[in-house]
Amino acid sequence: MIYAENIHKYYGDLHVLKGVNLHIEKSEIVSIVGASGAGKTTLLQILGTLDRPEKNKESILRINEIDIYSQSEKKLSKFRNEQIGFIFQFHQLLPEFSALENICIPAFIKKTPKAEAEKRAMELLDFLGLTARAHHKPSELSGGEQQRIAVARSLINNPAVIFADEPSGNLDSESAENLHKLFFRLREEFAQTFVIVTHNEDLANMADRKLVMVDGEII
């Protein structure tokens, strides 16, 4: 599913990622932990194609059999929309749109017909127990509900992998526990692959594998 070898990243003179190697299988749930500044979010952004690693002939990055290094920006944008889902600490829902509309946005970008996108969104809302909230704005939802809407949005295009950056960091303990359980339900129901950066030890320890980053390397 994900094959990364010798991934480096500099910001000016700061060497943030120092030759990271990472292999993740389909339907695997992998957590990445480490102190602030260890390079976790930078790695997640590169794996999620939101940022580019340094060009290095010895570096490899393949996701779902696609060579990321060889993709143009246009092809990479299309790949990101169709193959990758994102969940962030602050759900990033658009306040002027309903839950249903927020979920549909990646599908609309993909040019999925409106009826088809809304049908899929309603199926996800039903799966998440949020059908009655379909036409509520984010401000009318609890924090846990907002994050579940963000999860549904990440799933709308049936992505190959979901990258989550501190997904429960802004939730109370009960909502966080429910979200963590949801990830495993999604793996069981949809064979979903997850890569999760987290400071939450409970979530990290639930994963199939826990990777520890220190000073830009996985140890």
N, C-alpha and C. Protein backbone atom coordinates (compact mmCIF):
# COMPACT_ATOMS: atom_id res chain seq x y z
N MET A 1 0.83 -1.21 0.00
CA MET A 1 0.00 0.00 0.00
C MET A 1 0.87 1.27 0.00
N ILE A 2 1.75 1.40 1.03
CA ILE A 2 2.67 2.54 1.08
C ILE A 2 4.09 2.01 1.21
N TYR A 3 4.94 2.46 0.30
CA TYR A 3 6.34 2.05 0.32
C TYR A 3 7.20 3.30 0.23
N ALA A 4 7.86 3.64 1.31
CA ALA A 4 8.70 4.84 1.35
C ALA A 4 10.11 4.45 1.78
N GLU A 5 11.08 4.92 1.02
CA GLU A 5 12.48 4.63 1.32
C GLU A 5 13.30 5.90 1.23
N ASN A 6 14.11 6.14 2.25
CA ASN A 6 15.10 7.21 2.22
C ASN A 6 14.46 8.58 1.96
N ILE A 7 13.41 8.89 2.74
CA ILE A 7 12.70 10.16 2.57
C ILE A 7 13.36 11.25 3.42
N HIS A 8 13.78 12.31 2.73
CA HIS A 8 14.42 13.45 3.39
C HIS A 8 13.59 14.71 3.17
N LYS A 9 13.66 15.62 4.13
CA LYS A 9 13.01 16.92 3.98
C LYS A 9 13.81 17.98 4.73
N TYR A 10 14.11 19.08 4.04
CA TYR A 10 14.77 20.22 4.65
C TYR A 10 13.84 21.42 4.62
N TYR A 11 13.90 22.23 5.65
CA TYR A 11 13.32 23.57 5.63
C TYR A 11 14.47 24.53 5.89
N GLY A 12 14.98 25.11 4.81
CA GLY A 12 16.21 25.89 4.95
C GLY A 12 17.36 24.97 5.34
N ASP A 13 18.03 25.31 6.43
CA ASP A 13 19.14 24.47 6.91
C ASP A 13 18.67 23.39 7.88
N LEU A 14 17.39 23.39 8.19
CA LEU A 14 16.87 22.43 9.17
C LEU A 14 16.54 21.11 8.47
N HIS A 15 17.20 20.05 8.88
CA HIS A 15 17.01 18.71 8.31
C HIS A 15 15.91 18.02 9.12
N VAL A 16 14.67 18.08 8.62
CA VAL A 16 13.51 17.63 9.40
C VAL A 16 13.31 16.12 9.31
N LEU A 17 13.41 15.56 8.11
CA LEU A 17 13.31 14.12 7.92
C LEU A 17 14.65 13.61 7.41
N LYS A 18 15.17 12.58 8.06
CA LYS A 18 16.56 12.15 7.83
C LYS A 18 16.61 10.72 7.29
N GLY A 19 16.01 10.52 6.12
CA GLY A 19 16.08 9.20 5.51
C GLY A 19 15.08 8.22 6.08
N VAL A 20 13.81 8.63 6.14
CA VAL A 20 12.76 7.78 6.72
C VAL A 20 12.43 6.61 5.79
N ASN A 21 12.32 5.42 6.38
CA ASN A 21 11.85 4.22 5.68
C ASN A 21 10.54 3.78 6.31
N LEU A 22 9.55 3.47 5.47
CA LEU A 22 8.22 3.13 6.00
C LEU A 22 7.49 2.24 5.01
N HIS A 23 6.98 1.10 5.49
CA HIS A 23 6.21 0.18 4.66
C HIS A 23 4.91 -0.13 5.39
N ILE A 24 3.78 0.12 4.73
CA ILE A 24 2.47 -0.10 5.35
C ILE A 24 1.62 -0.94 4.41
N GLU A 25 0.99 -1.97 4.96
CA GLU A 25 0.17 -2.88 4.17
C GLU A 25 -1.27 -2.39 4.08
N LYS A 26 -2.00 -2.89 3.09
CA LYS A 26 -3.42 -2.58 2.96
C LYS A 26 -4.18 -3.04 4.19
N SER A 27 -5.12 -2.23 4.65
CA SER A 27 -5.99 -2.50 5.80
C SER A 27 -5.24 -2.48 7.13
N GLU A 28 -4.02 -1.98 7.12
CA GLU A 28 -3.26 -1.86 8.36
C GLU A 28 -3.55 -0.51 9.01
N ILE A 29 -3.61 -0.50 10.32
CA ILE A 29 -3.73 0.74 11.09
C ILE A 29 -2.40 0.98 11.79
N VAL A 30 -1.73 2.04 11.40
CA VAL A 30 -0.40 2.35 11.93
C VAL A 30 -0.44 3.70 12.63
N SER A 31 0.07 3.76 13.84
CA SER A 31 0.18 5.03 14.56
C SER A 31 1.63 5.50 14.54
N ILE A 32 1.81 6.81 14.51
CA ILE A 32 3.13 7.42 14.55
C ILE A 32 3.16 8.37 15.74
N VAL A 33 4.07 8.14 16.66
CA VAL A 33 4.17 8.94 17.88
C VAL A 33 5.57 9.52 17.99
N GLY A 34 5.70 10.48 18.89
CA GLY A 34 6.99 11.11 19.13
C GLY A 34 6.78 12.51 19.67
N ALA A 35 7.85 13.08 20.19
CA ALA A 35 7.77 14.42 20.77
C ALA A 35 7.47 15.46 19.70
N SER A 36 6.96 16.61 20.12
CA SER A 36 6.75 17.71 19.18
C SER A 36 8.08 18.07 18.52
N GLY A 37 8.05 18.27 17.20
CA GLY A 37 9.26 18.60 16.47
C GLY A 37 10.02 17.40 15.96
N ALA A 38 9.49 16.19 16.19
CA ALA A 38 10.19 14.98 15.75
C ALA A 38 10.06 14.76 14.25
N GLY A 39 9.08 15.42 13.60
CA GLY A 39 8.91 15.27 12.16
C GLY A 39 7.66 14.50 11.76
N LYS A 40 6.78 14.22 12.73
CA LYS A 40 5.59 13.38 12.45
C LYS A 40 4.66 14.02 11.43
N THR A 41 4.30 15.27 11.65
CA THR A 41 3.36 15.92 10.74
C THR A 41 3.99 16.16 9.38
N THR A 42 5.27 16.49 9.34
CA THR A 42 5.96 16.65 8.06
C THR A 42 5.92 15.35 7.27
N LEU A 43 6.18 14.24 7.94
CA LEU A 43 6.12 12.94 7.27
C LEU A 43 4.71 12.66 6.76
N LEU A 44 3.71 12.95 7.58
CA LEU A 44 2.32 12.71 7.18
C LEU A 44 1.96 13.56 5.95
N GLN A 45 2.42 14.80 5.93
CA GLN A 45 2.12 15.68 4.79
C GLN A 45 2.78 15.18 3.51
N ILE A 46 3.98 14.62 3.63
CA ILE A 46 4.67 14.08 2.45
C ILE A 46 3.98 12.80 1.99
N LEU A 47 3.65 11.91 2.92
CA LEU A 47 2.95 10.69 2.55
C LEU A 47 1.59 11.00 1.93
N GLY A 48 0.96 12.07 2.42
CA GLY A 48 -0.34 12.48 1.89
C GLY A 48 -0.26 13.33 0.65
N THR A 49 0.94 13.53 0.13
CA THR A 49 1.24 14.30 -1.10
C THR A 49 0.90 15.78 -0.97
N LEU A 50 0.76 16.27 0.26
CA LEU A 50 0.54 17.71 0.47
C LEU A 50 1.85 18.48 0.40
N ASP A 51 2.97 17.78 0.53
CA ASP A 51 4.29 18.38 0.46
C ASP A 51 5.19 17.42 -0.30
N ARG A 52 6.24 17.94 -0.87
CA ARG A 52 7.19 17.13 -1.64
C ARG A 52 8.44 16.87 -0.81
N PRO A 53 8.97 15.65 -0.84
CA PRO A 53 10.26 15.40 -0.20
C PRO A 53 11.39 15.94 -1.07
N GLU A 54 12.60 15.92 -0.55
CA GLU A 54 13.75 16.34 -1.35
C GLU A 54 13.97 15.35 -2.51
N LYS A 55 14.38 15.89 -3.66
CA LYS A 55 14.69 15.02 -4.79
C LYS A 55 16.00 14.29 -4.51
N ASN A 56 15.92 12.99 -4.59
CA ASN A 56 17.07 12.15 -4.28
C ASN A 56 16.91 10.85 -5.07
N LYS A 57 17.89 10.51 -5.89
CA LYS A 57 17.76 9.34 -6.75
C LYS A 57 17.64 8.04 -5.96
N GLU A 58 17.99 8.08 -4.67
CA GLU A 58 17.89 6.88 -3.84
C GLU A 58 16.57 6.83 -3.07
N SER A 59 15.75 7.85 -3.22
CA SER A 59 14.48 7.91 -2.50
C SER A 59 13.36 7.29 -3.33
N ILE A 60 12.42 6.63 -2.64
CA ILE A 60 11.27 6.00 -3.28
C ILE A 60 10.03 6.34 -2.47
N LEU A 61 8.95 6.70 -3.16
CA LEU A 61 7.66 6.86 -2.50
C LEU A 61 6.58 6.35 -3.44
N ARG A 62 5.97 5.22 -3.07
CA ARG A 62 4.87 4.64 -3.84
C ARG A 62 3.67 4.47 -2.92
N ILE A 63 2.52 4.85 -3.43
CA ILE A 63 1.27 4.68 -2.70
C ILE A 63 0.27 4.00 -3.63
N ASN A 64 -0.22 2.86 -3.21
CA ASN A 64 -1.18 2.10 -4.02
C ASN A 64 -0.65 1.87 -5.44
N GLU A 65 0.63 1.51 -5.49
CA GLU A 65 1.33 1.18 -6.75
C GLU A 65 1.63 2.39 -7.63
N ILE A 66 1.37 3.60 -7.16
CA ILE A 66 1.66 4.81 -7.94
C ILE A 66 2.98 5.42 -7.46
N ASP A 67 3.87 5.69 -8.41
CA ASP A 67 5.15 6.33 -8.11
C ASP A 67 4.90 7.84 -7.95
N ILE A 68 4.92 8.29 -6.70
CA ILE A 68 4.57 9.69 -6.41
C ILE A 68 5.57 10.65 -7.03
N TYR A 69 6.86 10.28 -7.06
CA TYR A 69 7.89 11.16 -7.60
C TYR A 69 7.66 11.49 -9.07
N SER A 70 7.04 10.59 -9.83
CA SER A 70 6.91 10.77 -11.27
C SER A 70 5.65 11.54 -11.68
N GLN A 71 4.81 11.91 -10.73
CA GLN A 71 3.53 12.55 -11.04
C GLN A 71 3.68 14.07 -11.20
N SER A 72 3.01 14.60 -12.21
CA SER A 72 2.92 16.05 -12.34
C SER A 72 2.00 16.58 -11.23
N GLU A 73 2.02 17.89 -11.03
CA GLU A 73 1.16 18.47 -9.99
C GLU A 73 -0.31 18.21 -10.29
N LYS A 74 -0.69 18.27 -11.57
CA LYS A 74 -2.08 18.02 -11.94
C LYS A 74 -2.47 16.58 -11.65
N LYS A 75 -1.63 15.63 -12.02
CA LYS A 75 -1.92 14.21 -11.76
C LYS A 75 -1.90 13.92 -10.26
N LEU A 76 -1.00 14.59 -9.55
CA LEU A 76 -0.90 14.38 -8.11
C LEU A 76 -2.14 14.90 -7.40
N SER A 77 -2.67 16.03 -7.87
CA SER A 77 -3.89 16.59 -7.29
C SER A 77 -5.06 15.63 -7.49
N LYS A 78 -5.16 15.06 -8.68
CA LYS A 78 -6.22 14.09 -8.98
C LYS A 78 -6.06 12.84 -8.12
N PHE A 79 -4.83 12.35 -8.00
CA PHE A 79 -4.54 11.18 -7.17
C PHE A 79 -4.94 11.44 -5.72
N ARG A 80 -4.57 12.61 -5.22
CA ARG A 80 -4.86 12.96 -3.82
C ARG A 80 -6.37 12.98 -3.56
N ASN A 81 -7.11 13.56 -4.50
CA ASN A 81 -8.56 13.66 -4.35
C ASN A 81 -9.23 12.28 -4.36
N GLU A 82 -8.73 11.38 -5.21
CA GLU A 82 -9.40 10.11 -5.41
C GLU A 82 -8.89 8.99 -4.52
N GLN A 83 -7.63 9.06 -4.11
CA GLN A 83 -7.00 7.92 -3.42
C GLN A 83 -6.67 8.17 -1.95
N ILE A 84 -6.75 9.43 -1.52
CA ILE A 84 -6.31 9.77 -0.16
C ILE A 84 -7.41 10.53 0.57
N GLY A 85 -7.64 10.15 1.81
CA GLY A 85 -8.54 10.88 2.69
C GLY A 85 -7.77 11.49 3.84
N PHE A 86 -8.23 12.65 4.32
CA PHE A 86 -7.54 13.34 5.41
C PHE A 86 -8.51 13.62 6.56
N ILE A 87 -8.02 13.43 7.78
CA ILE A 87 -8.75 13.84 8.98
C ILE A 87 -7.77 14.67 9.82
N PHE A 88 -8.20 15.88 10.18
CA PHE A 88 -7.33 16.78 10.92
C PHE A 88 -7.85 16.97 12.35
N GLN A 89 -7.00 17.51 13.20
CA GLN A 89 -7.39 17.76 14.60
C GLN A 89 -8.58 18.70 14.65
N PHE A 90 -8.53 19.78 13.87
CA PHE A 90 -9.64 20.73 13.79
C PHE A 90 -10.35 20.43 12.48
N HIS A 91 -11.48 19.82 12.57
CA HIS A 91 -12.20 19.13 11.50
C HIS A 91 -12.19 19.79 10.13
N GLN A 92 -11.96 21.13 10.08
CA GLN A 92 -11.88 21.86 8.80
C GLN A 92 -13.18 21.79 7.99
N LEU A 93 -14.32 21.71 8.67
CA LEU A 93 -15.60 21.78 7.96
C LEU A 93 -15.87 23.23 7.56
N LEU A 94 -16.52 23.42 6.42
CA LEU A 94 -16.87 24.77 5.98
C LEU A 94 -18.17 25.19 6.66
N PRO A 95 -18.14 26.29 7.42
CA PRO A 95 -19.27 26.64 8.29
C PRO A 95 -20.56 26.98 7.56
N GLU A 96 -20.44 27.43 6.30
CA GLU A 96 -21.64 27.87 5.57
C GLU A 96 -22.40 26.70 4.94
N PHE A 97 -21.80 25.51 4.97
CA PHE A 97 -22.42 24.35 4.34
C PHE A 97 -22.94 23.37 5.38
N SER A 98 -23.95 22.60 5.00
CA SER A 98 -24.50 21.57 5.89
C SER A 98 -23.53 20.40 5.99
N ALA A 99 -23.82 19.49 6.92
CA ALA A 99 -23.02 18.28 7.07
C ALA A 99 -22.97 17.51 5.76
N LEU A 100 -24.14 17.33 5.13
CA LEU A 100 -24.21 16.61 3.87
C LEU A 100 -23.36 17.28 2.80
N GLU A 101 -23.45 18.60 2.69
CA GLU A 101 -22.69 19.33 1.68
C GLU A 101 -21.20 19.23 1.94
N ASN A 102 -20.79 19.33 3.21
CA ASN A 102 -19.37 19.20 3.55
C ASN A 102 -18.82 17.84 3.13
N ILE A 103 -19.59 16.80 3.40
CA ILE A 103 -19.15 15.45 3.05
C ILE A 103 -18.98 15.30 1.55
N CYS A 104 -19.87 15.93 0.77
CA CYS A 104 -19.89 15.77 -0.69
C CYS A 104 -18.78 16.53 -1.41
N ILE A 105 -18.13 17.49 -0.76
CA ILE A 105 -17.18 18.36 -1.46
C ILE A 105 -16.11 17.59 -2.23
N PRO A 106 -15.40 16.59 -1.62
CA PRO A 106 -14.39 15.87 -2.42
C PRO A 106 -15.00 15.14 -3.62
N ALA A 107 -16.23 14.65 -3.47
CA ALA A 107 -16.90 13.97 -4.59
C ALA A 107 -17.23 14.96 -5.71
N PHE A 108 -17.63 16.17 -5.33
CA PHE A 108 -17.92 17.18 -6.35
C PHE A 108 -16.64 17.58 -7.09
N ILE A 109 -15.53 17.66 -6.36
CA ILE A 109 -14.25 17.97 -6.99
C ILE A 109 -13.89 16.88 -8.00
N LYS A 110 -14.26 15.64 -7.67
CA LYS A 110 -14.01 14.50 -8.56
C LYS A 110 -14.98 14.48 -9.74
N LYS A 111 -15.96 15.41 -9.70
CA LYS A 111 -17.01 15.52 -10.72
C LYS A 111 -18.00 14.34 -10.67
N THR A 112 -18.20 13.81 -9.47
CA THR A 112 -19.24 12.81 -9.27
C THR A 112 -20.60 13.50 -9.39
N PRO A 113 -21.55 12.92 -10.11
CA PRO A 113 -22.88 13.53 -10.21
C PRO A 113 -23.49 13.79 -8.82
N LYS A 114 -24.21 14.89 -8.70
CA LYS A 114 -24.74 15.33 -7.40
C LYS A 114 -25.58 14.25 -6.73
N ALA A 115 -26.47 13.61 -7.45
CA ALA A 115 -27.33 12.59 -6.85
C ALA A 115 -26.52 11.41 -6.33
N GLU A 116 -25.51 11.02 -7.10
CA GLU A 116 -24.66 9.90 -6.69
C GLU A 116 -23.84 10.25 -5.45
N ALA A 117 -23.29 11.46 -5.43
CA ALA A 117 -22.49 11.90 -4.29
C ALA A 117 -23.34 11.97 -3.02
N GLU A 118 -24.55 12.54 -3.15
CA GLU A 118 -25.42 12.68 -1.98
C GLU A 118 -25.90 11.31 -1.49
N LYS A 119 -26.12 10.38 -2.40
CA LYS A 119 -26.51 9.03 -1.99
C LYS A 119 -25.41 8.37 -1.17
N ARG A 120 -24.18 8.49 -1.65
CA ARG A 120 -23.03 7.93 -0.92
C ARG A 120 -22.86 8.64 0.43
N ALA A 121 -23.02 9.95 0.46
CA ALA A 121 -22.89 10.71 1.71
C ALA A 121 -23.94 10.27 2.72
N MET A 122 -25.16 10.06 2.27
CA MET A 122 -26.22 9.61 3.18
C MET A 122 -25.94 8.20 3.70
N GLU A 123 -25.35 7.35 2.87
CA GLU A 123 -24.97 6.02 3.34
C GLU A 123 -23.94 6.12 4.45
N LEU A 124 -22.98 7.03 4.29
CA LEU A 124 -21.96 7.21 5.33
C LEU A 124 -22.56 7.82 6.59
N LEU A 125 -23.46 8.77 6.44
CA LEU A 125 -24.13 9.36 7.61
C LEU A 125 -24.92 8.29 8.36
N ASP A 126 -25.56 7.40 7.63
CA ASP A 126 -26.30 6.32 8.26
C ASP A 126 -25.35 5.40 9.01
N PHE A 127 -24.23 5.05 8.39
CA PHE A 127 -23.23 4.19 9.02
C PHE A 127 -22.72 4.82 10.32
N LEU A 128 -22.58 6.15 10.31
CA LEU A 128 -22.03 6.86 11.47
C LEU A 128 -23.10 7.29 12.47
N GLY A 129 -24.37 6.94 12.20
CA GLY A 129 -25.45 7.29 13.10
C GLY A 129 -25.78 8.76 13.11
N LEU A 130 -25.59 9.43 11.98
CA LEU A 130 -25.79 10.88 11.92
C LEU A 130 -26.80 11.30 10.86
N THR A 131 -27.65 10.39 10.44
CA THR A 131 -28.63 10.71 9.39
C THR A 131 -29.46 11.95 9.74
N ALA A 132 -29.87 12.05 11.00
CA ALA A 132 -30.72 13.17 11.43
C ALA A 132 -29.97 14.50 11.42
N ARG A 133 -28.65 14.46 11.28
CA ARG A 133 -27.84 15.68 11.30
C ARG A 133 -27.44 16.14 9.90
N ALA A 134 -27.94 15.47 8.86
CA ALA A 134 -27.49 15.72 7.49
C ALA A 134 -27.57 17.19 7.09
N HIS A 135 -28.61 17.89 7.52
CA HIS A 135 -28.82 19.26 7.05
C HIS A 135 -28.49 20.30 8.12
N HIS A 136 -27.76 19.87 9.15
CA HIS A 136 -27.29 20.81 10.18
C HIS A 136 -25.95 21.41 9.77
N LYS A 137 -25.75 22.68 10.11
CA LYS A 137 -24.47 23.33 9.90
C LYS A 137 -23.49 22.89 11.00
N PRO A 138 -22.18 23.00 10.76
CA PRO A 138 -21.21 22.59 11.77
C PRO A 138 -21.44 23.22 13.14
N SER A 139 -21.88 24.48 13.17
CA SER A 139 -22.10 25.17 14.45
C SER A 139 -23.23 24.54 15.26
N GLU A 140 -24.05 23.72 14.61
CA GLU A 140 -25.17 23.06 15.28
C GLU A 140 -24.82 21.63 15.71
N LEU A 141 -23.57 21.25 15.54
CA LEU A 141 -23.12 19.90 15.87
C LEU A 141 -22.15 19.93 17.03
N SER A 142 -22.11 18.84 17.80
CA SER A 142 -21.11 18.71 18.87
C SER A 142 -19.74 18.47 18.26
N GLY A 143 -18.71 18.58 19.08
CA GLY A 143 -17.35 18.34 18.59
C GLY A 143 -17.18 16.94 18.03
N GLY A 144 -17.74 15.95 18.74
CA GLY A 144 -17.66 14.58 18.26
C GLY A 144 -18.39 14.37 16.96
N GLU A 145 -19.55 15.02 16.82
CA GLU A 145 -20.32 14.92 15.57
C GLU A 145 -19.57 15.58 14.41
N GLN A 146 -18.98 16.73 14.68
CA GLN A 146 -18.21 17.41 13.64
C GLN A 146 -17.06 16.53 13.15
N GLN A 147 -16.40 15.85 14.07
CA GLN A 147 -15.27 15.02 13.66
C GLN A 147 -15.74 13.80 12.89
N ARG A 148 -16.89 13.26 13.24
CA ARG A 148 -17.43 12.13 12.47
C ARG A 148 -17.86 12.58 11.07
N ILE A 149 -18.34 13.81 10.94
CA ILE A 149 -18.63 14.34 9.61
C ILE A 149 -17.34 14.44 8.80
N ALA A 150 -16.27 14.88 9.46
CA ALA A 150 -14.96 14.95 8.79
C ALA A 150 -14.49 13.56 8.36
N VAL A 151 -14.77 12.55 9.17
CA VAL A 151 -14.43 11.17 8.80
C VAL A 151 -15.22 10.76 7.56
N ALA A 152 -16.53 11.06 7.55
CA ALA A 152 -17.35 10.73 6.39
C ALA A 152 -16.82 11.42 5.14
N ARG A 153 -16.44 12.68 5.28
CA ARG A 153 -15.87 13.41 4.14
C ARG A 153 -14.61 12.71 3.61
N SER A 154 -13.79 12.22 4.51
CA SER A 154 -12.55 11.55 4.10
C SER A 154 -12.82 10.25 3.36
N LEU A 155 -14.01 9.67 3.57
CA LEU A 155 -14.35 8.37 2.98
C LEU A 155 -15.15 8.47 1.68
N ILE A 156 -15.64 9.65 1.34
CA ILE A 156 -16.63 9.80 0.28
C ILE A 156 -16.15 9.25 -1.07
N ASN A 157 -14.84 9.36 -1.36
CA ASN A 157 -14.32 8.89 -2.65
C ASN A 157 -13.71 7.49 -2.57
N ASN A 158 -14.00 6.77 -1.48
CA ASN A 158 -13.46 5.42 -1.29
C ASN A 158 -11.93 5.41 -1.45
N PRO A 159 -11.22 6.20 -0.65
CA PRO A 159 -9.77 6.32 -0.83
C PRO A 159 -9.02 5.05 -0.46
N ALA A 160 -7.80 4.94 -0.97
CA ALA A 160 -6.96 3.79 -0.65
C ALA A 160 -6.44 3.88 0.78
N VAL A 161 -6.21 5.09 1.26
CA VAL A 161 -5.62 5.28 2.59
C VAL A 161 -6.15 6.57 3.19
N ILE A 162 -6.28 6.58 4.51
CA ILE A 162 -6.66 7.80 5.24
C ILE A 162 -5.52 8.19 6.17
N PHE A 163 -5.11 9.45 6.06
CA PHE A 163 -4.10 10.02 6.94
C PHE A 163 -4.80 10.90 7.97
N ALA A 164 -4.51 10.66 9.24
CA ALA A 164 -5.15 11.41 10.32
C ALA A 164 -4.08 12.07 11.18
N ASP A 165 -4.20 13.38 11.37
CA ASP A 165 -3.23 14.15 12.15
C ASP A 165 -3.90 14.61 13.44
N GLU A 166 -3.54 13.98 14.54
CA GLU A 166 -4.13 14.27 15.85
C GLU A 166 -5.66 14.30 15.78
N PRO A 167 -6.30 13.26 15.26
CA PRO A 167 -7.74 13.31 14.99
C PRO A 167 -8.61 13.47 16.23
N SER A 168 -8.12 13.04 17.40
CA SER A 168 -8.92 13.16 18.62
C SER A 168 -8.37 14.21 19.56
N GLY A 169 -7.42 15.01 19.08
CA GLY A 169 -6.74 15.97 19.94
C GLY A 169 -7.63 17.09 20.45
N ASN A 170 -8.77 17.32 19.78
CA ASN A 170 -9.66 18.42 20.17
C ASN A 170 -10.98 17.91 20.75
N LEU A 171 -11.00 16.61 21.13
CA LEU A 171 -12.23 16.00 21.62
C LEU A 171 -12.15 15.66 23.10
N ASP A 172 -13.31 15.61 23.75
CA ASP A 172 -13.35 15.13 25.12
C ASP A 172 -13.07 13.63 25.11
N SER A 173 -12.82 13.06 26.29
CA SER A 173 -12.36 11.67 26.37
C SER A 173 -13.37 10.68 25.79
N GLU A 174 -14.67 10.91 26.03
CA GLU A 174 -15.68 9.98 25.52
C GLU A 174 -15.76 10.04 24.00
N SER A 175 -15.75 11.25 23.44
CA SER A 175 -15.80 11.41 21.99
C SER A 175 -14.54 10.84 21.35
N ALA A 176 -13.40 11.03 22.01
CA ALA A 176 -12.14 10.49 21.49
C ALA A 176 -12.18 8.97 21.44
N GLU A 177 -12.68 8.36 22.51
CA GLU A 177 -12.78 6.90 22.54
C GLU A 177 -13.70 6.38 21.44
N ASN A 178 -14.82 7.08 21.23
CA ASN A 178 -15.75 6.67 20.17
C ASN A 178 -15.10 6.79 18.79
N LEU A 179 -14.33 7.85 18.59
CA LEU A 179 -13.65 8.04 17.31
C LEU A 179 -12.63 6.94 17.08
N HIS A 180 -11.89 6.60 18.12
CA HIS A 180 -10.88 5.55 17.99
C HIS A 180 -11.52 4.22 17.61
N LYS A 181 -12.63 3.89 18.24
CA LYS A 181 -13.35 2.65 17.92
C LYS A 181 -13.86 2.68 16.49
N LEU A 182 -14.25 3.89 16.03
CA LEU A 182 -14.77 4.03 14.68
C LEU A 182 -13.72 3.65 13.65
N PHE A 183 -12.48 4.03 13.87
CA PHE A 183 -11.43 3.69 12.92
C PHE A 183 -11.35 2.18 12.70
N PHE A 184 -11.50 1.42 13.77
CA PHE A 184 -11.41 -0.03 13.65
C PHE A 184 -12.67 -0.62 13.02
N ARG A 185 -13.82 0.01 13.25
CA ARG A 185 -15.04 -0.40 12.54
C ARG A 185 -14.88 -0.18 11.04
N LEU A 186 -14.29 0.94 10.67
CA LEU A 186 -14.09 1.25 9.26
C LEU A 186 -13.13 0.26 8.61
N ARG A 187 -12.13 -0.14 9.35
CA ARG A 187 -11.20 -1.15 8.82
C ARG A 187 -11.93 -2.47 8.60
N GLU A 188 -12.81 -2.85 9.55
CA GLU A 188 -13.55 -4.10 9.41
C GLU A 188 -14.57 -4.03 8.28
N GLU A 189 -15.26 -2.90 8.15
CA GLU A 189 -16.32 -2.76 7.16
C GLU A 189 -15.80 -2.50 5.75
N PHE A 190 -14.75 -1.66 5.63
CA PHE A 190 -14.31 -1.20 4.33
C PHE A 190 -12.86 -1.55 4.00
N ALA A 191 -12.21 -2.35 4.86
CA ALA A 191 -10.79 -2.72 4.67
C ALA A 191 -9.92 -1.47 4.54
N GLN A 192 -10.26 -0.44 5.32
CA GLN A 192 -9.61 0.86 5.22
C GLN A 192 -8.22 0.83 5.85
N THR A 193 -7.28 1.50 5.21
CA THR A 193 -5.93 1.66 5.74
C THR A 193 -5.84 3.03 6.42
N PHE A 194 -5.22 3.06 7.61
CA PHE A 194 -5.07 4.31 8.35
C PHE A 194 -3.62 4.52 8.75
N VAL A 195 -3.16 5.77 8.60
CA VAL A 195 -1.88 6.20 9.17
C VAL A 195 -2.21 7.38 10.08
N ILE A 196 -1.95 7.23 11.37
CA ILE A 196 -2.44 8.19 12.36
C ILE A 196 -1.28 8.77 13.17
N VAL A 197 -1.10 10.07 13.08
CA VAL A 197 -0.17 10.78 13.98
C VAL A 197 -0.95 11.18 15.22
N THR A 198 -0.45 10.81 16.38
CA THR A 198 -1.21 11.09 17.60
C THR A 198 -0.30 11.20 18.82
N HIS A 199 -0.74 12.02 19.78
CA HIS A 199 -0.14 12.04 21.11
C HIS A 199 -0.96 11.20 22.09
N ASN A 200 -2.08 10.67 21.62
CA ASN A 200 -2.97 9.89 22.48
C ASN A 200 -2.43 8.46 22.59
N GLU A 201 -1.91 8.11 23.75
CA GLU A 201 -1.29 6.80 23.92
C GLU A 201 -2.27 5.65 23.76
N ASP A 202 -3.53 5.87 24.19
CA ASP A 202 -4.53 4.82 24.04
C ASP A 202 -4.75 4.48 22.58
N LEU A 203 -4.90 5.51 21.74
CA LEU A 203 -5.08 5.28 20.31
C LEU A 203 -3.83 4.67 19.71
N ALA A 204 -2.67 5.20 20.08
CA ALA A 204 -1.41 4.70 19.52
C ALA A 204 -1.24 3.21 19.81
N ASN A 205 -1.61 2.81 21.02
CA ASN A 205 -1.42 1.42 21.42
C ASN A 205 -2.46 0.48 20.84
N MET A 206 -3.59 1.03 20.37
CA MET A 206 -4.62 0.21 19.73
C MET A 206 -4.22 -0.21 18.32
N ALA A 207 -3.32 0.54 17.71
CA ALA A 207 -2.96 0.32 16.31
C ALA A 207 -2.27 -1.02 16.12
N ASP A 208 -2.28 -1.49 14.88
CA ASP A 208 -1.57 -2.74 14.57
C ASP A 208 -0.08 -2.58 14.81
N ARG A 209 0.44 -1.40 14.49
CA ARG A 209 1.85 -1.09 14.76
C ARG A 209 1.97 0.34 15.25
N LYS A 210 2.86 0.56 16.18
CA LYS A 210 3.16 1.91 16.68
C LYS A 210 4.60 2.24 16.32
N LEU A 211 4.76 3.29 15.51
CA LEU A 211 6.10 3.73 15.09
C LEU A 211 6.48 4.97 15.89
N VAL A 212 7.70 4.99 16.37
CA VAL A 212 8.18 6.10 17.19
C VAL A 212 9.19 6.92 16.39
N MET A 213 8.94 8.23 16.28
CA MET A 213 9.85 9.13 15.60
C MET A 213 10.66 9.93 16.61
N VAL A 214 11.96 10.03 16.34
CA VAL A 214 12.86 10.83 17.16
C VAL A 214 13.79 11.59 16.20
N ASP A 215 13.78 12.91 16.28
CA ASP A 215 14.69 13.74 15.50
C ASP A 215 14.70 13.37 14.01
N GLY A 216 13.52 13.22 13.44
CA GLY A 216 13.42 13.03 12.00
C GLY A 216 13.66 11.62 11.49
N GLU A 217 13.69 10.67 12.42
CA GLU A 217 13.88 9.27 12.04
C GLU A 217 12.89 8.38 12.78
N ILE A 218 12.53 7.26 12.15
CA ILE A 218 11.73 6.25 12.84
C ILE A 218 12.70 5.28 13.49
N ILE A 219 12.56 5.13 14.80
CA ILE A 219 13.53 4.29 15.53
C ILE A 219 12.92 2.93 15.88
